Amino acid sequence: MRKMPRRRYKADIKDPVQRRSVWLNTFDASEKAARAYDTAARRYHSHKAVTKFPQDNLRDFHEKSSR
């Protein structure tokens, strides 16, 4: 996750199989970028993923963002 100009945040992750960076998206909030990273980290690394937020808070975040 990196801060971009104009208060935007870029989320990307390294694909361990293809050994390249995968662009996830740009976001207005750092929390949303971090959540996107966490989702991708769990997909690529399953239970070994190092995430920014605990998994039990994931459901609460998705409920808030879908409103």
PDB file of N, CA and C in Angstrom:
ATOM      1  N   MET A   1       0.843  -1.159   0.000  1.00  0.00           N
ATOM      2  CA  MET A   1       0.000   0.000   0.000  1.00  0.00           C
ATOM      3  C   MET A   1       0.899   1.236   0.000  1.00  0.00           C
ATOM      4  N   ARG A   2       0.591   2.173  -0.881  1.00  0.00           N
ATOM      5  CA  ARG A   2       1.378   3.410  -0.970  1.00  0.00           C
ATOM      6  C   ARG A   2       0.452   4.613  -1.087  1.00  0.00           C
ATOM      7  N   LYS A   3       0.890   5.721  -0.509  1.00  0.00           N
ATOM      8  CA  LYS A   3       0.120   6.955  -0.637  1.00  0.00           C
ATOM      9  C   LYS A   3       0.441   7.585  -1.977  1.00  0.00           C
ATOM     10  N   MET A   4      -0.594   7.947  -2.703  1.00  0.00           N
ATOM     11  CA  MET A   4      -0.470   8.563  -4.017  1.00  0.00           C
ATOM     12  C   MET A   4      -0.807  10.051  -3.892  1.00  0.00           C
ATOM     13  N   PRO A   5      -0.588  10.813  -4.949  1.00  0.00           N
ATOM     14  CA  PRO A   5      -0.994  12.233  -4.919  1.00  0.00           C
ATOM     15  C   PRO A   5      -2.510  12.381  -4.755  1.00  0.00           C
ATOM     16  N   ARG A   6      -2.905  13.504  -4.279  1.00  0.00           N
ATOM     17  CA  ARG A   6      -4.329  13.850  -4.119  1.00  0.00           C
ATOM     18  C   ARG A   6      -5.059  12.938  -3.144  1.00  0.00           C
ATOM     19  N   ARG A   7      -4.372  12.561  -2.062  1.00  0.00           N
ATOM     20  CA  ARG A   7      -4.982  11.793  -0.976  1.00  0.00           C
ATOM     21  C   ARG A   7      -5.572  10.461  -1.417  1.00  0.00           C
ATOM     22  N   ARG A   8      -4.910   9.781  -2.313  1.00  0.00           N
ATOM     23  CA  ARG A   8      -5.339   8.453  -2.765  1.00  0.00           C
ATOM     24  C   ARG A   8      -4.306   7.434  -2.312  1.00  0.00           C
ATOM     25  N   TYR A   9      -4.734   6.187  -2.204  1.00  0.00           N
ATOM     26  CA  TYR A   9      -3.854   5.116  -1.759  1.00  0.00           C
ATOM     27  C   TYR A   9      -3.890   3.968  -2.758  1.00  0.00           C
ATOM     28  N   LYS A  10      -2.728   3.484  -3.123  1.00  0.00           N
ATOM     29  CA  LYS A  10      -2.597   2.399  -4.086  1.00  0.00           C
ATOM     30  C   LYS A  10      -2.355   1.104  -3.324  1.00  0.00           C
ATOM     31  N   ALA A  11      -3.096   0.060  -3.686  1.00  0.00           N
ATOM     32  CA  ALA A  11      -2.891  -1.246  -3.067  1.00  0.00           C
ATOM     33  C   ALA A  11      -2.391  -2.209  -4.134  1.00  0.00           C
ATOM     34  N   ASP A  12      -1.301  -2.887  -3.826  1.00  0.00           N
ATOM     35  CA  ASP A  12      -0.785  -3.933  -4.709  1.00  0.00           C
ATOM     36  C   ASP A  12      -0.136  -5.012  -3.858  1.00  0.00           C
ATOM     37  N   ILE A  13       0.068  -6.176  -4.463  1.00  0.00           N
ATOM     38  CA  ILE A  13       0.656  -7.306  -3.751  1.00  0.00           C
ATOM     39  C   ILE A  13       1.531  -8.080  -4.723  1.00  0.00           C
ATOM     40  N   LYS A  14       2.528  -8.731  -4.196  1.00  0.00           N
ATOM     41  CA  LYS A  14       3.431  -9.543  -5.026  1.00  0.00           C
ATOM     42  C   LYS A  14       2.827 -10.943  -5.193  1.00  0.00           C
ATOM     43  N   ASP A  15       2.670 -11.365  -6.448  1.00  0.00           N
ATOM     44  CA  ASP A  15       2.194 -12.713  -6.754  1.00  0.00           C
ATOM     45  C   ASP A  15       3.371 -13.668  -6.571  1.00  0.00           C
ATOM     46  N   PRO A  16       3.278 -14.605  -5.601  1.00  0.00           N
ATOM     47  CA  PRO A  16       4.424 -15.478  -5.334  1.00  0.00           C
ATOM     48  C   PRO A  16       4.703 -16.496  -6.438  1.00  0.00           C
ATOM     49  N   VAL A  17       3.716 -16.833  -7.242  1.00  0.00           N
ATOM     50  CA  VAL A  17       3.896 -17.824  -8.300  1.00  0.00           C
ATOM     51  C   VAL A  17       4.526 -17.180  -9.536  1.00  0.00           C
ATOM     52  N   GLN A  18       3.921 -16.090 -10.003  1.00  0.00           N
ATOM     53  CA  GLN A  18       4.416 -15.438 -11.212  1.00  0.00           C
ATOM     54  C   GLN A  18       5.515 -14.413 -10.926  1.00  0.00           C
ATOM     55  N   ARG A  19       5.747 -14.145  -9.642  1.00  0.00           N
ATOM     56  CA  ARG A  19       6.795 -13.202  -9.222  1.00  0.00           C
ATOM     57  C   ARG A  19       6.668 -11.830  -9.874  1.00  0.00           C
ATOM     58  N   ARG A  20       5.456 -11.309  -9.791  1.00  0.00           N
ATOM     59  CA  ARG A  20       5.211  -9.965 -10.313  1.00  0.00           C
ATOM     60  C   ARG A  20       4.246  -9.242  -9.389  1.00  0.00           C
ATOM     61  N   SER A  21       4.219  -7.950  -9.480  1.00  0.00           N
ATOM     62  CA  SER A  21       3.318  -7.149  -8.672  1.00  0.00           C
ATOM     63  C   SER A  21       1.931  -7.132  -9.314  1.00  0.00           C
ATOM     64  N   VAL A  22       0.914  -7.331  -8.491  1.00  0.00           N
ATOM     65  CA  VAL A  22      -0.478  -7.314  -8.963  1.00  0.00           C
ATOM     66  C   VAL A  22      -1.151  -6.069  -8.398  1.00  0.00           C
ATOM     67  N   TRP A  23      -1.615  -5.202  -9.277  1.00  0.00           N
ATOM     68  CA  TRP A  23      -2.296  -3.978  -8.871  1.00  0.00           C
ATOM     69  C   TRP A  23      -3.704  -4.330  -8.427  1.00  0.00           C
ATOM     70  N   LEU A  24      -4.090  -3.900  -7.231  1.00  0.00           N
ATOM     71  CA  LEU A  24      -5.421  -4.199  -6.714  1.00  0.00           C
ATOM     72  C   LEU A  24      -6.405  -3.072  -7.012  1.00  0.00           C
ATOM     73  N   ASN A  25      -6.011  -1.833  -6.752  1.00  0.00           N
ATOM     74  CA  ASN A  25      -6.859  -0.680  -7.053  1.00  0.00           C
ATOM     75  C   ASN A  25      -6.287   0.545  -6.339  1.00  0.00           C
ATOM     76  N   THR A  26      -6.907   1.698  -6.565  1.00  0.00           N
ATOM     77  CA  THR A  26      -6.600   2.888  -5.781  1.00  0.00           C
ATOM     78  C   THR A  26      -7.837   3.226  -4.967  1.00  0.00           C
ATOM     79  N   PHE A  27      -7.609   3.772  -3.776  1.00  0.00           N
ATOM     80  CA  PHE A  27      -8.696   4.004  -2.835  1.00  0.00           C
ATOM     81  C   PHE A  27      -8.573   5.396  -2.231  1.00  0.00           C
ATOM     82  N   ASP A  28      -9.713   5.926  -1.759  1.00  0.00           N
ATOM     83  CA  ASP A  28      -9.726   7.233  -1.101  1.00  0.00           C
ATOM     84  C   ASP A  28      -9.251   7.154   0.343  1.00  0.00           C
ATOM     85  N   ALA A  29      -9.363   5.982   0.950  1.00  0.00           N
ATOM     86  CA  ALA A  29      -8.987   5.818   2.359  1.00  0.00           C
ATOM     87  C   ALA A  29      -7.921   4.741   2.502  1.00  0.00           C
ATOM     88  N   SER A  30      -7.004   4.970   3.424  1.00  0.00           N
ATOM     89  CA  SER A  30      -5.938   3.993   3.645  1.00  0.00           C
ATOM     90  C   SER A  30      -6.498   2.679   4.182  1.00  0.00           C
ATOM     91  N   GLU A  31      -7.564   2.741   4.980  1.00  0.00           N
ATOM     92  CA  GLU A  31      -8.161   1.516   5.520  1.00  0.00           C
ATOM     93  C   GLU A  31      -8.706   0.630   4.404  1.00  0.00           C
ATOM     94  N   LYS A  32      -9.341   1.225   3.414  1.00  0.00           N
ATOM     95  CA  LYS A  32      -9.872   0.438   2.302  1.00  0.00           C
ATOM     96  C   LYS A  32      -8.750  -0.221   1.503  1.00  0.00           C
ATOM     97  N   ALA A  33      -7.655   0.485   1.310  1.00  0.00           N
ATOM     98  CA  ALA A  33      -6.507  -0.090   0.604  1.00  0.00           C
ATOM     99  C   ALA A  33      -5.913  -1.241   1.407  1.00  0.00           C
ATOM    100  N   ALA A  34      -5.821  -1.063   2.711  1.00  0.00           N
ATOM    101  CA  ALA A  34      -5.288  -2.126   3.561  1.00  0.00           C
ATOM    102  C   ALA A  34      -6.201  -3.340   3.567  1.00  0.00           C
ATOM    103  N   ARG A  35      -7.507  -3.124   3.554  1.00  0.00           N
ATOM    104  CA  ARG A  35      -8.459  -4.252   3.513  1.00  0.00           C
ATOM    105  C   ARG A  35      -8.347  -5.001   2.181  1.00  0.00           C
ATOM    106  N   ALA A  36      -8.158  -4.279   1.097  1.00  0.00           N
ATOM    107  CA  ALA A  36      -7.979  -4.932  -0.204  1.00  0.00           C
ATOM    108  C   ALA A  36      -6.707  -5.768  -0.201  1.00  0.00           C
ATOM    109  N   TYR A  37      -5.654  -5.226   0.405  1.00  0.00           N
ATOM    110  CA  TYR A  37      -4.403  -5.979   0.518  1.00  0.00           C
ATOM    111  C   TYR A  37      -4.618  -7.253   1.342  1.00  0.00           C
ATOM    112  N   ASP A  38      -5.318  -7.129   2.467  1.00  0.00           N
ATOM    113  CA  ASP A  38      -5.568  -8.289   3.324  1.00  0.00           C
ATOM    114  C   ASP A  38      -6.325  -9.385   2.576  1.00  0.00           C
ATOM    115  N   THR A  39      -7.339  -8.997   1.814  1.00  0.00           N
ATOM    116  CA  THR A  39      -8.114  -9.970   1.043  1.00  0.00           C
ATOM    117  C   THR A  39      -7.220 -10.695   0.041  1.00  0.00           C
ATOM    118  N   ALA A  40      -6.393  -9.947  -0.658  1.00  0.00           N
ATOM    119  CA  ALA A  40      -5.487 -10.556  -1.636  1.00  0.00           C
ATOM    120  C   ALA A  40      -4.429 -11.424  -0.941  1.00  0.00           C
ATOM    121  N   ALA A  41      -3.932 -10.974   0.198  1.00  0.00           N
ATOM    122  CA  ALA A  41      -2.925 -11.752   0.928  1.00  0.00           C
ATOM    123  C   ALA A  41      -3.500 -13.092   1.364  1.00  0.00           C
ATOM    124  N   ARG A  42      -4.748 -13.092   1.817  1.00  0.00           N
ATOM    125  CA  ARG A  42      -5.380 -14.356   2.211  1.00  0.00           C
ATOM    126  C   ARG A  42      -5.578 -15.267   1.006  1.00  0.00           C
ATOM    127  N   ARG A  43      -5.872 -14.689  -0.150  1.00  0.00           N
ATOM    128  CA  ARG A  43      -6.061 -15.494  -1.361  1.00  0.00           C
ATOM    129  C   ARG A  43      -4.738 -16.116  -1.814  1.00  0.00           C
ATOM    130  N   TYR A  44      -3.662 -15.329  -1.791  1.00  0.00           N
ATOM    131  CA  TYR A  44      -2.372 -15.820  -2.271  1.00  0.00           C
ATOM    132  C   TYR A  44      -1.635 -16.693  -1.248  1.00  0.00           C
ATOM    133  N   HIS A  45      -1.778 -16.377   0.042  1.00  0.00           N
ATOM    134  CA  HIS A  45      -0.966 -17.035   1.055  1.00  0.00           C
ATOM    135  C   HIS A  45      -1.770 -17.857   2.065  1.00  0.00           C
ATOM    136  N   SER A  46      -3.080 -17.914   1.943  1.00  0.00           N
ATOM    137  CA  SER A  46      -4.004 -18.626   2.832  1.00  0.00           C
ATOM    138  C   SER A  46      -3.686 -18.368   4.306  1.00  0.00           C
ATOM    139  N   HIS A  47      -3.501 -19.403   5.087  1.00  0.00           N
ATOM    140  CA  HIS A  47      -3.323 -19.244   6.533  1.00  0.00           C
ATOM    141  C   HIS A  47      -1.969 -18.638   6.910  1.00  0.00           C
ATOM    142  N   LYS A  48      -1.040 -18.542   5.988  1.00  0.00           N
ATOM    143  CA  LYS A  48       0.275 -17.952   6.262  1.00  0.00           C
ATOM    144  C   LYS A  48       0.316 -16.445   5.982  1.00  0.00           C
ATOM    145  N   ALA A  49      -0.803 -15.883   5.581  1.00  0.00           N
ATOM    146  CA  ALA A  49      -0.850 -14.469   5.199  1.00  0.00           C
ATOM    147  C   ALA A  49      -0.541 -13.558   6.386  1.00  0.00           C
ATOM    148  N   VAL A  50       0.273 -12.551   6.116  1.00  0.00           N
ATOM    149  CA  VAL A  50       0.532 -11.498   7.088  1.00  0.00           C
ATOM    150  C   VAL A  50      -0.385 -10.346   6.706  1.00  0.00           C
ATOM    151  N   THR A  51      -1.330 -10.026   7.581  1.00  0.00           N
ATOM    152  CA  THR A  51      -2.348  -9.028   7.258  1.00  0.00           C
ATOM    153  C   THR A  51      -2.242  -7.814   8.169  1.00  0.00           C
ATOM    154  N   LYS A  52      -2.913  -6.759   7.778  1.00  0.00           N
ATOM    155  CA  LYS A  52      -2.915  -5.525   8.546  1.00  0.00           C
ATOM    156  C   LYS A  52      -3.994  -5.529   9.630  1.00  0.00           C
ATOM    157  N   PHE A  53      -5.087  -6.280   9.399  1.00  0.00           N
ATOM    158  CA  PHE A  53      -6.204  -6.358  10.333  1.00  0.00           C
ATOM    159  C   PHE A  53      -6.489  -7.818  10.675  1.00  0.00           C
ATOM    160  N   PRO A  54      -6.952  -8.098  11.896  1.00  0.00           N
ATOM    161  CA  PRO A  54      -7.342  -9.473  12.233  1.00  0.00           C
ATOM    162  C   PRO A  54      -8.540  -9.905  11.394  1.00  0.00           C
ATOM    163  N   GLN A  55      -8.637 -11.184  11.120  1.00  0.00           N
ATOM    164  CA  GLN A  55      -9.692 -11.690  10.245  1.00  0.00           C
ATOM    165  C   GLN A  55     -11.081 -11.551  10.859  1.00  0.00           C
ATOM    166  N   ASP A  56     -11.217 -11.570  12.169  1.00  0.00           N
ATOM    167  CA  ASP A  56     -12.539 -11.475  12.772  1.00  0.00           C
ATOM    168  C   ASP A  56     -13.177 -10.109  12.542  1.00  0.00           C
ATOM    169  N   ASN A  57     -12.399  -9.086  12.224  1.00  0.00           N
ATOM    170  CA  ASN A  57     -12.957  -7.766  11.909  1.00  0.00           C
ATOM    171  C   ASN A  57     -13.375  -7.653  10.450  1.00  0.00           C
ATOM    172  N   LEU A  58     -13.065  -8.640   9.638  1.00  0.00           N
ATOM    173  CA  LEU A  58     -13.333  -8.584   8.204  1.00  0.00           C
ATOM    174  C   LEU A  58     -14.828  -8.503   7.913  1.00  0.00           C
ATOM    175  N   ARG A  59     -15.633  -9.296   8.609  1.00  0.00           N
ATOM    176  CA  ARG A  59     -17.076  -9.309   8.372  1.00  0.00           C
ATOM    177  C   ARG A  59     -17.682  -7.946   8.697  1.00  0.00           C
ATOM    178  N   ASP A  60     -17.257  -7.325   9.807  1.00  0.00           N
ATOM    179  CA  ASP A  60     -17.768  -6.011  10.191  1.00  0.00           C
ATOM    180  C   ASP A  60     -17.454  -4.964   9.127  1.00  0.00           C
ATOM    181  N   PHE A  61     -16.250  -5.011   8.566  1.00  0.00           N
ATOM    182  CA  PHE A  61     -15.861  -4.049   7.536  1.00  0.00           C
ATOM    183  C   PHE A  61     -16.729  -4.197   6.292  1.00  0.00           C
ATOM    184  N   HIS A  62     -16.957  -5.440   5.841  1.00  0.00           N
ATOM    185  CA  HIS A  62     -17.755  -5.653   4.634  1.00  0.00           C
ATOM    186  C   HIS A  62     -19.199  -5.230   4.847  1.00  0.00           C
ATOM    187  N   GLU A  63     -19.723  -5.409   6.054  1.00  0.00           N
ATOM    188  CA  GLU A  63     -21.088  -4.961   6.343  1.00  0.00           C
ATOM    189  C   GLU A  63     -21.179  -3.446   6.284  1.00  0.00           C
ATOM    190  N   LYS A  64     -20.159  -2.753   6.822  1.00  0.00           N
ATOM    191  CA  LYS A  64     -20.166  -1.285   6.801  1.00  0.00           C
ATOM    192  C   LYS A  64     -20.010  -0.737   5.388  1.00  0.00           C
ATOM    193  N   SER A  65     -19.151  -1.340   4.584  1.00  0.00           N
ATOM    194  CA  SER A  65     -18.878  -0.801   3.254  1.00  0.00           C
ATOM    195  C   SER A  65     -19.988  -1.105   2.266  1.00  0.00           C
ATOM    196  N   SER A  66     -20.851  -2.083   2.551  1.00  0.00           N
ATOM    197  CA  SER A  66     -21.934  -2.396   1.621  1.00  0.00           C
ATOM    198  C   SER A  66     -23.162  -1.526   1.848  1.00  0.00           C
ATOM    199  N   ARG A  67     -23.160  -0.765   2.925  1.00  0.00           N
ATOM    200  CA  ARG A  67     -24.328   0.104   3.222  1.00  0.00           C
ATOM    201  C   ARG A  67     -24.347   1.337   2.379  1.00  0.00           C
TER     202      ARG A  67
END
